[in-house]
N, C-alpha and C. Protein backbone atom coordinates (compact mmCIF):
# COMPACT_ATOMS: atom_id res chain seq x y z
N UNK A 1 12.53 -44.46 26.29
CA UNK A 1 13.68 -43.72 25.88
C UNK A 1 13.63 -43.41 24.39
N UNK A 2 14.03 -42.13 24.07
CA UNK A 2 13.90 -41.66 22.69
C UNK A 2 15.06 -42.13 21.94
N UNK A 3 14.89 -42.16 20.63
CA UNK A 3 15.99 -42.44 19.76
C UNK A 3 16.68 -41.21 19.39
N UNK A 4 17.85 -41.24 18.85
CA UNK A 4 18.64 -40.11 18.47
C UNK A 4 17.90 -39.37 17.36
N UNK A 5 17.33 -40.03 16.38
CA UNK A 5 16.63 -39.41 15.28
C UNK A 5 15.52 -38.57 15.69
N UNK A 6 14.74 -39.07 16.70
CA UNK A 6 13.60 -38.35 17.20
C UNK A 6 14.09 -37.02 17.91
N UNK A 7 15.08 -37.10 18.73
CA UNK A 7 15.60 -35.98 19.45
C UNK A 7 16.14 -34.88 18.39
N UNK A 8 16.85 -35.30 17.38
CA UNK A 8 17.35 -34.35 16.39
C UNK A 8 16.16 -33.67 15.70
N UNK A 9 15.19 -34.46 15.28
CA UNK A 9 14.00 -33.92 14.56
C UNK A 9 13.28 -32.94 15.49
N UNK A 10 13.11 -33.27 16.74
CA UNK A 10 12.40 -32.30 17.68
C UNK A 10 13.21 -31.01 17.86
N UNK A 11 14.47 -31.11 17.98
CA UNK A 11 15.37 -29.94 18.17
C UNK A 11 15.38 -29.04 16.97
N UNK A 12 15.46 -29.68 15.78
CA UNK A 12 15.37 -28.96 14.47
C UNK A 12 14.00 -28.22 14.36
N UNK A 13 12.97 -28.93 14.65
CA UNK A 13 11.59 -28.40 14.52
C UNK A 13 11.45 -27.21 15.46
N UNK A 14 11.90 -27.34 16.72
CA UNK A 14 11.86 -26.25 17.70
C UNK A 14 12.63 -24.97 17.26
N UNK A 15 13.85 -25.29 16.72
CA UNK A 15 14.67 -24.15 16.15
C UNK A 15 14.03 -23.45 14.99
N UNK A 16 13.40 -24.15 14.13
CA UNK A 16 12.73 -23.53 13.00
C UNK A 16 11.52 -22.74 13.42
N UNK A 17 10.79 -23.16 14.38
CA UNK A 17 9.68 -22.39 14.90
C UNK A 17 10.08 -21.11 15.59
N UNK A 18 11.14 -21.18 16.42
CA UNK A 18 11.61 -20.01 17.02
C UNK A 18 12.26 -19.05 16.06
N UNK A 19 12.89 -19.52 15.03
CA UNK A 19 13.42 -18.69 13.97
C UNK A 19 12.32 -17.98 13.23
N UNK A 20 11.30 -18.63 12.86
CA UNK A 20 10.11 -18.11 12.21
C UNK A 20 9.46 -17.05 13.09
N UNK A 21 9.36 -17.25 14.35
CA UNK A 21 8.74 -16.33 15.28
C UNK A 21 9.59 -15.01 15.38
N UNK A 22 10.91 -15.19 15.45
CA UNK A 22 11.84 -14.01 15.58
C UNK A 22 11.84 -13.19 14.34
N UNK A 23 11.86 -13.88 13.15
CA UNK A 23 11.97 -13.06 11.91
C UNK A 23 10.65 -12.42 11.51
N UNK A 24 9.46 -12.90 12.01
CA UNK A 24 8.23 -12.30 11.66
C UNK A 24 7.86 -11.14 12.56
N UNK A 25 8.57 -10.97 13.74
CA UNK A 25 8.25 -9.92 14.64
C UNK A 25 8.43 -8.52 14.13
N UNK A 26 9.55 -8.18 13.51
CA UNK A 26 9.73 -6.81 13.03
C UNK A 26 8.73 -6.47 11.86
N UNK A 27 8.33 -7.49 11.11
CA UNK A 27 7.35 -7.18 9.99
C UNK A 27 6.04 -6.79 10.64
N UNK A 28 5.58 -7.54 11.72
CA UNK A 28 4.31 -7.14 12.28
C UNK A 28 4.34 -5.88 13.03
N UNK A 29 5.48 -5.56 13.64
CA UNK A 29 5.58 -4.25 14.36
C UNK A 29 5.63 -3.13 13.39
N UNK A 30 6.23 -3.26 12.28
CA UNK A 30 6.32 -2.21 11.25
C UNK A 30 4.95 -2.07 10.62
N UNK A 31 4.25 -3.10 10.37
CA UNK A 31 2.98 -3.00 9.68
C UNK A 31 1.95 -2.29 10.62
N UNK A 32 2.09 -2.41 11.91
CA UNK A 32 1.10 -1.84 12.82
C UNK A 32 1.34 -0.34 13.00
N UNK A 33 2.51 0.21 12.66
CA UNK A 33 2.80 1.64 12.85
C UNK A 33 2.04 2.46 11.79
N UNK A 34 1.31 3.45 12.30
CA UNK A 34 0.54 4.34 11.29
C UNK A 34 1.58 5.20 10.50
N UNK A 35 1.13 5.70 9.39
CA UNK A 35 2.02 6.53 8.56
C UNK A 35 2.06 7.93 9.16
N UNK A 36 3.01 8.77 8.73
CA UNK A 36 3.16 10.10 9.18
C UNK A 36 1.96 10.93 8.85
N UNK A 37 1.32 10.70 7.77
CA UNK A 37 0.09 11.44 7.37
C UNK A 37 -1.02 11.15 8.36
N UNK A 38 -1.12 9.94 8.74
CA UNK A 38 -2.17 9.57 9.68
C UNK A 38 -1.84 10.20 11.10
N UNK A 39 -0.57 10.13 11.48
CA UNK A 39 -0.22 10.72 12.79
C UNK A 39 -0.39 12.23 12.75
N UNK A 40 -0.09 12.89 11.69
CA UNK A 40 -0.31 14.37 11.58
C UNK A 40 -1.81 14.69 11.60
N UNK A 41 -2.64 13.88 11.03
CA UNK A 41 -4.06 14.09 11.10
C UNK A 41 -4.63 13.96 12.50
N UNK A 42 -4.01 12.93 13.24
CA UNK A 42 -4.47 12.67 14.59
C UNK A 42 -4.01 13.84 15.53
N UNK A 43 -2.81 14.34 15.35
CA UNK A 43 -2.29 15.48 16.07
C UNK A 43 -3.16 16.75 15.82
N UNK A 44 -3.49 16.94 14.54
CA UNK A 44 -4.35 18.17 14.19
C UNK A 44 -5.66 18.05 14.84
N UNK A 45 -6.21 16.85 14.87
CA UNK A 45 -7.52 16.70 15.48
C UNK A 45 -7.52 16.90 16.96
N UNK A 46 -6.43 16.59 17.65
CA UNK A 46 -6.28 16.76 19.02
C UNK A 46 -5.91 18.21 19.40
N UNK A 47 -4.92 18.80 18.68
CA UNK A 47 -4.38 20.08 19.08
C UNK A 47 -4.73 21.26 18.22
N UNK A 48 -5.39 21.06 17.06
CA UNK A 48 -5.73 22.16 16.16
C UNK A 48 -4.88 22.31 14.94
N UNK A 49 -5.10 23.35 14.13
CA UNK A 49 -4.35 23.49 12.88
C UNK A 49 -2.98 23.96 12.95
N UNK A 50 -2.49 24.37 14.17
CA UNK A 50 -1.18 24.89 14.34
C UNK A 50 -0.11 23.77 14.27
N UNK A 51 -0.46 22.53 14.31
CA UNK A 51 0.51 21.39 14.29
C UNK A 51 1.13 21.38 12.90
N UNK A 52 2.49 21.43 12.89
CA UNK A 52 3.22 21.51 11.63
C UNK A 52 3.91 20.13 11.27
N UNK A 53 4.34 19.42 12.27
CA UNK A 53 5.00 18.12 11.98
C UNK A 53 4.85 17.17 13.13
N UNK A 54 5.23 15.92 12.81
CA UNK A 54 5.11 14.77 13.86
C UNK A 54 6.39 14.03 13.78
N UNK A 55 6.83 13.68 14.94
CA UNK A 55 7.97 12.77 15.00
C UNK A 55 7.76 11.68 15.98
N UNK A 56 8.42 10.55 15.73
CA UNK A 56 8.20 9.40 16.63
C UNK A 56 9.58 9.09 17.28
N UNK A 57 9.61 9.06 18.61
CA UNK A 57 10.80 8.75 19.25
C UNK A 57 11.19 7.30 19.20
N UNK A 58 12.39 6.88 19.63
CA UNK A 58 12.82 5.48 19.56
C UNK A 58 11.93 4.59 20.45
N UNK A 59 11.40 5.17 21.56
CA UNK A 59 10.57 4.36 22.41
C UNK A 59 9.11 4.28 21.92
N UNK A 60 8.75 4.89 20.80
CA UNK A 60 7.44 4.82 20.23
C UNK A 60 6.54 5.99 20.51
N UNK A 61 7.00 6.95 21.36
CA UNK A 61 6.25 8.08 21.72
C UNK A 61 6.09 9.02 20.55
N UNK A 62 4.83 9.49 20.32
CA UNK A 62 4.52 10.46 19.20
C UNK A 62 4.69 11.89 19.79
N UNK A 63 5.39 12.70 19.11
CA UNK A 63 5.53 14.09 19.48
C UNK A 63 4.95 14.98 18.42
N UNK A 64 3.93 15.77 18.75
CA UNK A 64 3.29 16.64 17.87
C UNK A 64 3.97 18.05 18.01
N UNK A 65 4.48 18.64 16.92
CA UNK A 65 5.16 19.91 17.03
C UNK A 65 4.33 20.98 16.49
N UNK A 66 4.10 22.01 17.27
CA UNK A 66 3.18 23.12 16.94
C UNK A 66 4.03 24.33 16.53
N UNK A 67 3.37 25.23 15.89
CA UNK A 67 3.96 26.51 15.40
C UNK A 67 4.35 26.48 13.98
N UNK A 68 4.80 27.65 13.50
CA UNK A 68 5.30 27.74 12.09
C UNK A 68 6.42 26.87 11.91
N UNK A 69 6.62 26.41 10.70
CA UNK A 69 7.73 25.60 10.30
C UNK A 69 9.05 26.28 10.21
N UNK A 70 10.09 25.56 9.92
CA UNK A 70 11.46 26.24 9.89
C UNK A 70 11.56 27.15 8.70
N UNK A 71 10.73 27.14 7.71
CA UNK A 71 10.76 27.98 6.50
C UNK A 71 9.92 29.23 6.66
N UNK A 72 9.32 29.44 7.83
CA UNK A 72 8.39 30.58 8.06
C UNK A 72 9.11 31.90 7.96
N UNK A 73 8.36 32.90 7.51
CA UNK A 73 8.94 34.29 7.46
C UNK A 73 8.76 34.96 8.80
N UNK A 74 9.42 36.12 8.96
CA UNK A 74 9.34 36.88 10.18
C UNK A 74 7.96 37.31 10.48
N UNK A 75 7.16 37.66 9.44
CA UNK A 75 5.73 38.02 9.71
C UNK A 75 4.88 36.89 10.18
N UNK A 76 5.10 35.67 9.64
CA UNK A 76 4.40 34.52 10.10
C UNK A 76 4.75 34.18 11.59
N UNK A 77 6.02 34.35 11.93
CA UNK A 77 6.42 34.12 13.32
C UNK A 77 5.77 35.19 14.17
N UNK A 78 5.77 36.40 13.78
CA UNK A 78 5.21 37.50 14.59
C UNK A 78 3.71 37.22 14.81
N UNK A 79 2.95 36.88 13.81
CA UNK A 79 1.56 36.59 13.97
C UNK A 79 1.28 35.41 14.84
N UNK A 80 2.06 34.36 14.76
CA UNK A 80 2.01 33.20 15.64
C UNK A 80 2.20 33.59 17.10
N UNK A 81 3.26 34.34 17.35
CA UNK A 81 3.61 34.78 18.72
C UNK A 81 2.47 35.64 19.26
N UNK A 82 2.07 36.52 18.46
CA UNK A 82 0.98 37.53 18.90
C UNK A 82 -0.32 36.76 19.30
N UNK A 83 -0.67 35.77 18.47
CA UNK A 83 -1.85 34.96 18.69
C UNK A 83 -1.74 34.08 19.91
N UNK A 84 -0.62 33.43 20.07
CA UNK A 84 -0.47 32.45 21.20
C UNK A 84 -0.16 33.12 22.48
N UNK A 85 0.54 34.19 22.51
CA UNK A 85 1.06 34.84 23.77
C UNK A 85 0.08 35.93 24.27
N UNK A 86 -0.64 36.50 23.38
CA UNK A 86 -1.53 37.63 23.80
C UNK A 86 -0.77 38.86 24.39
N UNK A 87 0.33 39.21 23.76
CA UNK A 87 1.23 40.16 24.35
C UNK A 87 0.86 41.62 23.91
N UNK A 88 1.16 42.62 24.76
CA UNK A 88 0.92 43.98 24.47
C UNK A 88 2.14 44.58 23.58
N UNK A 89 3.36 44.06 23.95
CA UNK A 89 4.53 44.57 23.20
C UNK A 89 5.31 43.29 22.82
N UNK A 90 5.68 43.23 21.56
CA UNK A 90 6.23 41.95 21.09
C UNK A 90 7.36 42.23 20.08
N UNK A 91 8.39 41.52 20.27
CA UNK A 91 9.56 41.64 19.29
C UNK A 91 9.96 40.17 18.97
N UNK A 92 10.35 40.04 17.74
CA UNK A 92 10.82 38.72 17.22
C UNK A 92 12.21 38.80 16.72
N UNK A 93 13.08 37.92 17.07
CA UNK A 93 14.49 37.97 16.55
C UNK A 93 14.88 36.49 16.17
N UNK A 94 15.89 36.41 15.27
CA UNK A 94 16.36 35.15 14.92
C UNK A 94 17.68 34.91 15.64
N UNK A 95 17.78 33.83 16.31
CA UNK A 95 18.97 33.54 17.20
C UNK A 95 20.05 32.94 16.27
N UNK A 96 21.25 32.88 16.79
CA UNK A 96 22.43 32.41 16.05
C UNK A 96 22.26 30.93 15.51
N UNK A 97 21.47 30.18 16.22
CA UNK A 97 21.33 28.74 15.91
C UNK A 97 20.20 28.62 14.79
N UNK A 98 19.63 29.67 14.35
CA UNK A 98 18.62 29.62 13.30
C UNK A 98 17.20 29.55 13.74
N UNK A 99 17.03 29.49 15.12
CA UNK A 99 15.64 29.41 15.65
C UNK A 99 15.13 30.81 15.98
N UNK A 100 13.84 31.00 15.94
CA UNK A 100 13.17 32.25 16.29
C UNK A 100 12.91 32.31 17.73
N UNK A 101 12.99 33.57 18.25
CA UNK A 101 12.70 33.86 19.66
C UNK A 101 11.67 34.97 19.75
N UNK A 102 10.69 34.81 20.58
CA UNK A 102 9.68 35.84 20.78
C UNK A 102 9.92 36.46 22.15
N UNK A 103 10.05 37.82 22.13
CA UNK A 103 10.25 38.49 23.43
C UNK A 103 9.04 39.42 23.59
N UNK A 104 8.40 39.36 24.77
CA UNK A 104 7.14 40.06 24.92
C UNK A 104 6.93 40.55 26.29
N UNK A 105 5.98 41.52 26.39
CA UNK A 105 5.43 41.95 27.67
C UNK A 105 3.93 41.50 27.62
N UNK A 106 3.59 40.86 28.71
CA UNK A 106 2.15 40.34 28.74
C UNK A 106 1.17 41.44 29.16
N UNK A 107 -0.03 41.07 29.14
CA UNK A 107 -1.14 41.92 29.57
C UNK A 107 -1.14 42.08 31.09
N UNK A 108 -1.34 43.28 31.61
CA UNK A 108 -1.36 43.48 32.97
C UNK A 108 -2.79 43.95 33.41
């Protein structure tokens, strides 16, 4: 049969170990996450030079975003749409929400 002092010491020690394990988890998870610069380089290696930004969702999924950035001019948008869509007739317009829209007729 154990004494009361031994039980208290064992409980305190177990609590300290579990507290140490819980507090060190976020630090190791944060240290393992690559920087945005590294993620952007990986996306560009996989998808090409058209990748403009990278975002990480809450579940850890990496999303590579392609195309001209939000500060692109109408001419840059037009060239990007022409290059990616291969259209014969192409118009570009800016929608009310600030995003660009490419309207086109494809090759027949």
